[in-house]
Amino acid sequence: MEDALLKEIISKNGTKIVLVVADGLGGLPSAETGLTELETACTPNLDRLAKRGSAGLSVPVGYGVTPGSGPSHLALFGYDPTQNRIGRGVLEASGIDFDLQPEDLAARGNFATLKDGLIVDRRAGRISTEENQRLCAILSKEIKEIDGVKIIIRTVKEHRFVVIFRGKEMVEGLSENDPEKEGLAPLRIESLRNESRFAADIAHKFIYGVTEVLKAEKANYPLLRGFAKKPSLPSFDQKYFLRAAAIASYPMYRGLARLAGMEVLLTGEKISDELETLKKNFQDFDFFYIHIKKTDSYGEDGNFAAKVKVIEEVDSAVGEIEKMQPDVIAVTADHSTPALLRGHSWHPNPFLLISRYAMPDNLSGFSERECRKGSFGAFPATEIMPLLLAHSLRLRKFGA
């Protein structure tokens, strides 16, 4: 829905909306059983709600397009991901509450393992956050400045870090060096426009410096992507007249929510912690975004069984959320991460909306194949927010 139309018909009331995002929820059938992770999981609450809710499949960016986490979340929040591009570096920096300056160029980093010129582990065994902090402390001591550009290195979580290049000549427009598959050589960071040649040179020197400093470590190579400067987005309050809160444990998603003007609530690592945070703050906000990461993590690891287990935890949480009686509950994903592919995919996301005003689809369960039969059909993820607003009676009639 166009922003101009939305502003014309939007209204305020006291209704509450809960959007549950199980990251990477969608999957593909197992060769052994012919069932996806979602079809394999025991999900009595979601299956029950699929009978009385409205369902469909949401498309984050476009048919056949495999989206990153940033673009797919922007679409979920109703921002056109092709017009509002936010680099992963900015998301990670915002997620750890780092105050980016106008001259800062931020990049997301993975600590990886390089052997004989090839990336043999893109996450260096998913090193602990504590190990990450040790490595960042070493690098911060050894690499403080490159050709007049200040280097700031911060731990994010596990193998993830963020590097901020602070200098007036640090311009956007760099490629990444992550081959996105193991067994391949790292790519060369290239300047995508003339103005970013200096920035590319600084990035090359930073990578070389890291490999020299960490050559004796298992995590001995930095994979960099998402070079970007801080953008400007209209806030949720401006766009939707919603007091919005985010409940997410992973920094990147906290960062994205913060950029969208949500209040980011402190929470723990477990789904049960996030649920308690929701209960504690339920009366204080109109809209809650709850992010669950492990469905995606286990999909990327190719761990079908572990992803199934997390889906079952999500189901239990949805049952508890239902007891709180929000006016609208939506359960979906930002993108699909099939364990079969060990990564993000282009497959649309199962979507379920529960409201007293939803047309019951009477589906036999909540899954990719069942949602395909739902009344919403396949639709752009950017239309999710208007649907949530409509089902919470926050959109007035358009026209006479």
Protein backbone atom coordinates (compact mmCIF):
# COMPACT_ATOMS: atom_id res chain seq x y z
CA MET A 1 0.00 0.00 0.00
CA GLU A 2 1.31 3.45 -0.90
CA ASP A 3 2.26 5.63 2.07
CA ALA A 4 0.02 8.46 0.86
CA LEU A 5 -3.04 6.20 0.86
CA LEU A 6 -2.10 4.71 4.21
CA LYS A 7 -1.83 8.13 5.83
CA GLU A 8 -5.25 9.04 4.46
CA ILE A 9 -7.07 6.11 6.07
CA ILE A 10 -5.03 5.18 9.14
CA SER A 11 -6.41 5.78 12.63
CA LYS A 12 -5.51 5.13 16.25
CA ASN A 13 -7.25 2.88 18.75
CA GLY A 14 -6.39 0.70 21.71
CA THR A 15 -5.88 -2.59 19.86
CA LYS A 16 -2.77 -4.72 20.22
CA ILE A 17 -0.84 -6.54 17.50
CA VAL A 18 1.80 -9.25 17.98
CA LEU A 19 3.98 -10.21 15.00
CA VAL A 20 5.95 -13.42 15.60
CA VAL A 21 8.84 -13.86 13.16
CA ALA A 22 10.43 -17.30 13.18
CA ASP A 23 13.51 -16.49 11.13
CA GLY A 24 14.03 -18.85 8.19
CA LEU A 25 10.89 -20.84 9.09
CA GLY A 26 10.11 -22.24 5.64
CA GLY A 27 11.84 -25.40 4.47
CA LEU A 28 11.93 -28.14 1.87
CA PRO A 29 10.94 -31.81 2.16
CA SER A 30 13.31 -34.33 3.67
CA ALA A 31 14.38 -37.07 1.27
CA GLU A 32 13.52 -39.67 3.92
CA THR A 33 10.00 -38.54 4.84
CA GLY A 34 8.88 -36.14 2.12
CA LEU A 35 7.98 -33.62 4.85
CA THR A 36 9.40 -30.17 5.56
CA GLU A 37 10.66 -29.13 8.98
CA LEU A 38 7.35 -27.35 9.65
CA GLU A 39 5.33 -30.38 8.52
CA THR A 40 7.46 -32.67 10.69
CA ALA A 41 7.13 -30.59 13.86
CA CYS A 42 4.36 -31.21 16.37
CA THR A 43 2.53 -27.87 16.36
CA PRO A 44 -0.91 -28.29 17.96
CA ASN A 45 -1.40 -24.58 18.64
CA LEU A 46 -0.48 -23.40 15.15
CA ASP A 47 -2.49 -26.20 13.56
CA ARG A 48 -5.53 -25.27 15.65
CA LEU A 49 -5.17 -21.58 14.81
CA ALA A 50 -4.79 -22.41 11.11
CA LYS A 51 -8.39 -23.62 11.18
CA ARG A 52 -9.79 -20.28 12.33
CA GLY A 53 -7.21 -17.88 10.92
CA SER A 54 -6.40 -16.59 7.44
CA ALA A 55 -3.25 -17.86 5.75
CA GLY A 56 -1.07 -17.39 2.71
CA LEU A 57 2.49 -17.23 1.46
CA SER A 58 4.41 -13.96 1.64
CA VAL A 59 7.06 -13.01 -0.92
CA PRO A 60 9.78 -10.80 0.63
CA VAL A 61 11.28 -9.11 -2.44
CA GLY A 62 10.17 -10.84 -5.63
CA TYR A 63 9.52 -14.29 -7.07
CA GLY A 64 12.77 -16.20 -7.37
CA VAL A 65 14.74 -13.64 -5.35
CA THR A 66 16.70 -14.96 -2.37
CA PRO A 67 16.64 -12.11 0.17
CA GLY A 68 19.04 -11.20 2.91
CA SER A 69 17.78 -10.68 6.44
CA GLY A 70 17.78 -6.90 6.12
CA PRO A 71 15.65 -6.59 2.97
CA SER A 72 13.26 -9.31 4.08
CA HIS A 73 12.68 -7.63 7.44
CA LEU A 74 12.18 -4.25 5.82
CA ALA A 75 9.46 -5.83 3.68
CA LEU A 76 7.83 -7.33 6.79
CA PHE A 77 7.75 -3.88 8.35
CA GLY A 78 6.18 -2.37 5.24
CA TYR A 79 9.22 -0.61 3.78
CA ASP A 80 10.00 -1.29 0.11
CA PRO A 81 13.30 -3.21 0.33
CA THR A 82 14.34 -2.17 -3.18
CA GLN A 83 13.97 1.52 -2.32
CA ASN A 84 15.21 1.40 1.29
CA ARG A 85 18.50 -0.44 1.25
CA ILE A 86 20.27 -0.81 4.56
CA GLY A 87 23.65 -2.46 4.58
CA ARG A 88 24.34 -5.25 7.03
CA GLY A 89 27.11 -3.22 8.61
CA VAL A 90 24.67 -0.51 9.66
CA LEU A 91 22.27 -3.11 11.04
CA GLU A 92 24.97 -4.76 13.13
CA ALA A 93 26.29 -1.43 14.42
CA SER A 94 22.80 -0.26 15.33
CA GLY A 95 22.13 -3.62 16.97
CA ILE A 96 24.93 -3.10 19.48
CA ASP A 97 23.76 0.51 19.94
CA PHE A 98 26.83 2.00 18.26
CA ASP A 99 26.22 5.64 17.33
CA LEU A 100 27.26 5.89 13.69
CA GLN A 101 28.59 9.26 12.52
CA PRO A 102 28.14 10.78 9.02
CA GLU A 103 31.75 9.94 8.09
CA ASP A 104 31.42 6.29 9.20
CA LEU A 105 31.32 3.35 6.80
CA ALA A 106 30.24 0.18 8.64
CA ALA A 107 30.72 -3.43 7.55
CA ARG A 108 29.48 -6.71 9.01
CA GLY A 109 32.28 -9.18 9.61
CA ASN A 110 32.49 -12.93 10.11
CA PHE A 111 35.51 -14.46 11.77
CA ALA A 112 36.30 -17.32 9.36
CA THR A 113 38.98 -19.97 8.90
CA LEU A 114 41.27 -19.72 5.87
CA LYS A 115 43.48 -22.68 4.94
CA ASP A 116 45.67 -22.97 1.83
CA GLY A 117 43.96 -19.96 0.33
CA LEU A 118 40.44 -21.37 0.75
CA ILE A 119 37.66 -20.59 3.22
CA VAL A 120 37.16 -23.89 5.05
CA ASP A 121 34.74 -22.55 7.69
CA ARG A 122 32.79 -19.32 7.16
CA ARG A 123 32.08 -19.02 10.89
CA ALA A 124 35.29 -20.45 12.37
CA GLY A 125 33.25 -23.12 14.13
CA ARG A 126 30.73 -20.56 15.39
CA ILE A 127 33.20 -19.30 17.96
CA SER A 128 31.80 -18.08 21.26
CA THR A 129 31.03 -14.45 21.92
CA GLU A 130 33.77 -14.49 24.58
CA GLU A 131 36.33 -15.69 22.03
CA ASN A 132 35.11 -13.01 19.63
CA GLN A 133 35.68 -10.38 22.32
CA ARG A 134 39.24 -11.62 22.83
CA LEU A 135 39.99 -11.40 19.11
CA CYS A 136 38.42 -7.95 18.78
CA ALA A 137 40.50 -6.71 21.71
CA ILE A 138 43.68 -7.93 19.99
CA LEU A 139 42.72 -6.33 16.68
CA SER A 140 41.67 -3.06 18.31
CA LYS A 141 45.11 -2.82 19.89
CA GLU A 142 47.03 -3.66 16.71
CA ILE A 143 44.93 -1.93 14.01
CA LYS A 144 43.87 1.54 15.12
CA GLU A 145 44.26 3.53 11.91
CA ILE A 146 44.94 2.94 8.22
CA ASP A 147 46.04 5.86 6.01
CA GLY A 148 44.28 8.40 8.21
CA VAL A 149 41.09 6.34 8.57
CA LYS A 150 40.20 5.40 12.15
CA ILE A 151 39.39 1.70 12.61
CA ILE A 152 36.80 0.71 15.23
CA ILE A 153 36.16 -3.01 15.80
CA ARG A 154 33.32 -4.27 17.96
CA THR A 155 32.03 -7.71 18.92
CA VAL A 156 28.45 -8.48 17.89
CA LYS A 157 27.70 -12.10 18.77
CA GLU A 158 29.37 -15.49 18.27
CA HIS A 159 31.42 -15.23 15.04
CA ARG A 160 29.95 -11.86 14.03
CA PHE A 161 31.68 -8.52 14.47
CA VAL A 162 31.33 -5.05 13.02
CA VAL A 163 34.09 -2.80 11.75
CA ILE A 164 33.60 0.94 11.38
CA PHE A 165 35.90 2.84 9.04
CA ARG A 166 35.78 6.49 10.16
CA GLY A 167 36.99 8.98 7.58
CA LYS A 168 35.58 11.64 5.25
CA GLU A 169 36.69 9.74 2.14
CA MET A 170 35.00 6.49 3.15
CA VAL A 171 32.24 6.24 0.54
CA GLU A 172 29.61 3.54 -0.01
CA GLY A 173 29.84 1.27 -3.04
CA LEU A 174 31.97 -1.77 -2.18
CA SER A 175 31.47 -5.42 -3.01
CA GLU A 176 32.02 -8.14 -0.39
CA ASN A 177 34.75 -10.74 -0.01
CA ASP A 178 32.52 -13.54 1.31
CA PRO A 179 32.21 -16.34 -1.31
CA GLU A 180 29.17 -17.58 0.70
CA LYS A 181 30.32 -21.17 0.28
CA GLU A 182 33.11 -23.12 1.89
CA GLY A 183 35.93 -24.58 -0.17
CA LEU A 184 36.26 -21.41 -2.24
CA ALA A 185 38.80 -18.60 -2.17
CA PRO A 186 37.67 -15.31 -0.66
CA LEU A 187 36.53 -12.75 -3.19
CA ARG A 188 38.33 -9.48 -3.78
CA ILE A 189 36.53 -6.41 -2.53
CA GLU A 190 35.91 -4.13 -5.49
CA SER A 191 34.87 -0.49 -5.73
CA LEU A 192 31.52 -0.33 -7.51
CA ARG A 193 31.97 3.33 -8.39
CA ASN A 194 34.93 5.66 -8.82
CA GLU A 195 34.29 7.50 -5.55
CA SER A 196 34.75 4.33 -3.49
CA ARG A 197 38.22 3.36 -4.72
CA PHE A 198 39.90 4.77 -1.63
CA ALA A 199 37.47 2.88 0.61
CA ALA A 200 38.21 -0.37 -1.25
CA ASP A 201 41.94 0.16 -0.72
CA ILE A 202 41.41 0.70 3.01
CA ALA A 203 39.30 -2.48 3.20
CA HIS A 204 42.06 -4.49 1.46
CA LYS A 205 44.65 -3.19 3.92
CA PHE A 206 42.37 -3.98 6.85
CA ILE A 207 41.88 -7.58 5.67
CA TYR A 208 45.63 -8.02 5.23
CA GLY A 209 46.24 -6.56 8.69
CA VAL A 210 43.75 -8.93 10.31
CA THR A 211 45.26 -11.99 8.62
CA GLU A 212 48.71 -10.97 9.84
CA VAL A 213 47.60 -10.35 13.42
CA LEU A 214 45.46 -13.51 13.66
CA LYS A 215 47.57 -15.90 11.57
CA ALA A 216 48.08 -18.25 14.53
CA GLU A 217 44.36 -18.37 15.37
CA LYS A 218 41.66 -20.72 14.11
CA ALA A 219 39.57 -17.63 13.36
CA ASN A 220 42.21 -16.15 11.08
CA TYR A 221 40.32 -14.36 8.31
CA PRO A 222 37.65 -11.61 8.13
CA LEU A 223 34.75 -11.98 5.72
CA LEU A 224 33.26 -8.52 5.18
CA ARG A 225 29.93 -7.54 3.67
CA GLY A 226 27.23 -4.92 3.84
CA PHE A 227 29.45 -1.83 3.66
CA ALA A 228 27.06 1.05 4.32
CA LYS A 229 26.34 4.40 5.90
CA LYS A 230 23.45 5.13 8.24
CA PRO A 231 20.18 5.76 6.34
CA SER A 232 17.02 7.61 7.30
CA LEU A 233 13.71 5.73 7.65
CA PRO A 234 10.28 7.02 8.71
CA SER A 235 9.54 5.59 12.14
CA PHE A 236 6.73 3.16 12.96
CA ASP A 237 5.00 5.93 14.87
CA GLN A 238 5.17 8.27 11.86
CA LYS A 239 4.19 5.59 9.38
CA TYR A 240 1.57 3.60 11.31
CA PHE A 241 0.69 5.63 14.44
CA LEU A 242 1.87 2.65 16.49
CA ARG A 243 3.83 2.54 19.73
CA ALA A 244 6.03 -0.35 18.64
CA ALA A 245 8.36 -2.56 20.66
CA ALA A 246 10.91 -5.12 19.50
CA ILE A 247 11.78 -8.28 21.40
CA ALA A 248 14.87 -9.82 19.83
CA SER A 249 18.03 -11.32 21.25
CA TYR A 250 20.28 -11.01 18.19
CA PRO A 251 21.89 -7.60 17.65
CA MET A 252 21.19 -7.24 13.93
CA TYR A 253 17.44 -7.54 14.38
CA ARG A 254 17.51 -5.21 17.36
CA GLY A 255 19.38 -2.78 15.15
CA LEU A 256 16.86 -2.99 12.33
CA ALA A 257 14.00 -2.44 14.76
CA ARG A 258 15.80 0.54 16.27
CA LEU A 259 16.29 2.08 12.80
CA ALA A 260 12.54 1.68 12.25
CA GLY A 261 11.88 3.64 15.43
CA MET A 262 10.79 0.75 17.63
CA GLU A 263 11.68 0.66 21.30
CA VAL A 264 14.05 -2.27 21.71
CA LEU A 265 13.32 -4.14 24.93
CA LEU A 266 15.93 -5.97 26.95
CA THR A 267 15.39 -9.71 26.84
CA GLY A 268 17.19 -13.01 27.26
CA GLU A 269 18.47 -15.58 24.81
CA LYS A 270 15.65 -18.11 25.07
CA ILE A 271 12.17 -18.05 23.54
CA SER A 272 10.81 -18.31 27.08
CA ASP A 273 12.75 -15.15 27.98
CA GLU A 274 11.22 -13.30 25.04
CA LEU A 275 7.78 -14.47 26.09
CA GLU A 276 8.31 -13.14 29.61
CA THR A 277 9.43 -9.80 28.17
CA LEU A 278 6.22 -9.64 26.16
CA LYS A 279 4.09 -10.36 29.22
CA LYS A 280 5.92 -7.77 31.29
CA ASN A 281 5.47 -5.01 28.68
CA PHE A 282 2.15 -6.03 27.14
CA GLN A 283 0.18 -3.03 28.42
CA ASP A 284 2.75 -0.45 27.33
CA PHE A 285 2.75 -0.80 23.53
CA ASP A 286 0.38 -1.24 20.58
CA PHE A 287 2.63 -3.42 18.44
CA PHE A 288 5.17 -6.11 19.31
CA TYR A 289 7.72 -7.63 16.95
CA ILE A 290 9.10 -10.89 18.37
CA HIS A 291 12.09 -12.37 16.58
CA ILE A 292 13.20 -16.00 16.95
CA LYS A 293 16.61 -16.72 15.44
CA LYS A 294 17.38 -20.39 15.95
CA THR A 295 15.03 -21.63 13.20
CA ASP A 296 17.35 -19.85 10.78
CA SER A 297 20.59 -20.86 12.51
CA TYR A 298 19.78 -24.57 12.40
CA GLY A 299 18.59 -24.26 8.81
CA GLU A 300 21.96 -22.76 7.88
CA ASP A 301 23.70 -25.58 9.75
CA GLY A 302 21.67 -28.16 7.80
CA ASN A 303 20.33 -29.48 11.10
CA PHE A 304 16.80 -30.57 10.18
CA ALA A 305 15.99 -32.16 13.56
CA ALA A 306 17.15 -29.17 15.61
CA LYS A 307 15.11 -26.80 13.45
CA VAL A 308 12.05 -28.99 14.03
CA LYS A 309 12.59 -28.75 17.78
CA VAL A 310 12.76 -24.94 17.69
CA ILE A 311 9.56 -24.82 15.64
CA GLU A 312 7.88 -26.82 18.39
CA GLU A 313 9.10 -24.25 20.94
CA VAL A 314 7.65 -21.50 18.75
CA ASP A 315 4.33 -23.34 18.76
CA SER A 316 4.28 -23.44 22.55
CA ALA A 317 5.07 -19.72 22.70
CA VAL A 318 2.24 -18.90 20.29
CA GLY A 319 -0.13 -20.77 22.59
CA GLU A 320 0.98 -18.56 25.49
CA ILE A 321 0.66 -15.41 23.38
CA GLU A 322 -2.90 -16.38 22.48
CA LYS A 323 -3.80 -16.49 26.19
CA MET A 324 -2.81 -12.81 26.45
CA GLN A 325 -5.62 -12.02 24.00
CA PRO A 326 -4.01 -9.56 21.61
CA ASP A 327 -6.40 -8.34 18.93
CA VAL A 328 -4.18 -9.65 16.13
CA ILE A 329 -1.52 -12.36 16.09
CA ALA A 330 0.54 -13.00 12.97
CA VAL A 331 3.08 -15.82 12.62
CA THR A 332 5.46 -15.86 9.69
CA ALA A 333 9.13 -15.63 8.66
CA ASP A 334 11.36 -13.07 7.04
CA HIS A 335 12.68 -15.61 4.52
CA SER A 336 12.97 -19.38 4.18
CA THR A 337 16.09 -21.28 5.26
CA PRO A 338 15.68 -24.94 4.27
CA ALA A 339 18.07 -27.29 6.04
CA LEU A 340 18.39 -29.00 2.66
CA LEU A 341 20.03 -25.87 1.20
CA ARG A 342 21.91 -24.75 4.32
CA GLY A 343 21.09 -21.14 3.54
CA HIS A 344 18.46 -18.59 2.63
CA SER A 345 16.23 -19.44 -0.30
CA TRP A 346 13.73 -17.83 -2.66
CA HIS A 347 10.77 -19.85 -1.38
CA PRO A 348 7.84 -17.80 -0.02
CA ASN A 349 7.08 -17.71 3.69
CA PRO A 350 4.14 -19.40 5.42
CA PHE A 351 1.93 -16.69 6.90
CA LEU A 352 -0.92 -17.00 9.41
CA LEU A 353 -3.10 -14.18 10.76
CA ILE A 354 -5.47 -14.65 13.70
CA SER A 355 -8.13 -12.07 14.51
CA ARG A 356 -11.82 -12.08 15.36
CA TYR A 357 -12.27 -10.44 11.94
CA ALA A 358 -10.22 -12.98 9.97
CA MET A 359 -12.03 -15.24 7.51
CA PRO A 360 -11.39 -18.82 8.71
CA ASP A 361 -9.50 -20.81 6.10
CA ASN A 362 -10.16 -24.09 7.93
CA LEU A 363 -6.74 -25.44 7.01
CA SER A 364 -5.70 -28.85 8.31
CA GLY A 365 -2.49 -27.40 9.74
CA PHE A 366 0.15 -24.69 9.54
CA SER A 367 2.71 -25.55 6.87
CA GLU A 368 4.09 -24.38 3.55
CA ARG A 369 1.69 -26.55 1.55
CA GLU A 370 -1.37 -25.74 3.65
CA CYS A 371 -0.68 -22.00 3.58
CA ARG A 372 -0.63 -22.21 -0.21
CA LYS A 373 -4.37 -23.00 0.05
CA GLY A 374 -5.05 -19.96 2.27
CA SER A 375 -7.26 -17.02 1.36
CA PHE A 376 -4.38 -14.55 1.06
CA GLY A 377 -2.67 -16.67 -1.59
CA ALA A 378 0.85 -15.56 -2.50
CA PHE A 379 1.28 -11.87 -1.78
CA PRO A 380 4.04 -9.28 -1.24
CA ALA A 381 5.40 -9.17 2.30
CA THR A 382 5.11 -5.37 2.17
CA GLU A 383 1.33 -5.86 2.46
CA ILE A 384 1.56 -7.59 5.85
CA MET A 385 1.44 -4.37 7.87
CA PRO A 386 -1.72 -3.08 6.12
CA LEU A 387 -3.35 -6.47 6.80
CA LEU A 388 -2.44 -6.28 10.48
CA LEU A 389 -3.75 -2.73 10.70
CA ALA A 390 -7.01 -3.64 8.94
CA HIS A 391 -7.65 -6.63 11.19
CA SER A 392 -7.06 -4.42 14.25
CA LEU A 393 -9.60 -1.90 12.88
CA ARG A 394 -6.94 0.78 12.43
CA LEU A 395 -7.79 1.55 8.77
CA ARG A 396 -10.82 3.67 7.91
CA LYS A 397 -12.93 3.34 4.77
CA PHE A 398 -11.33 4.78 1.64
CA GLY A 399 -13.54 7.09 -0.38
CA ALA A 400 -17.20 7.98 -0.12
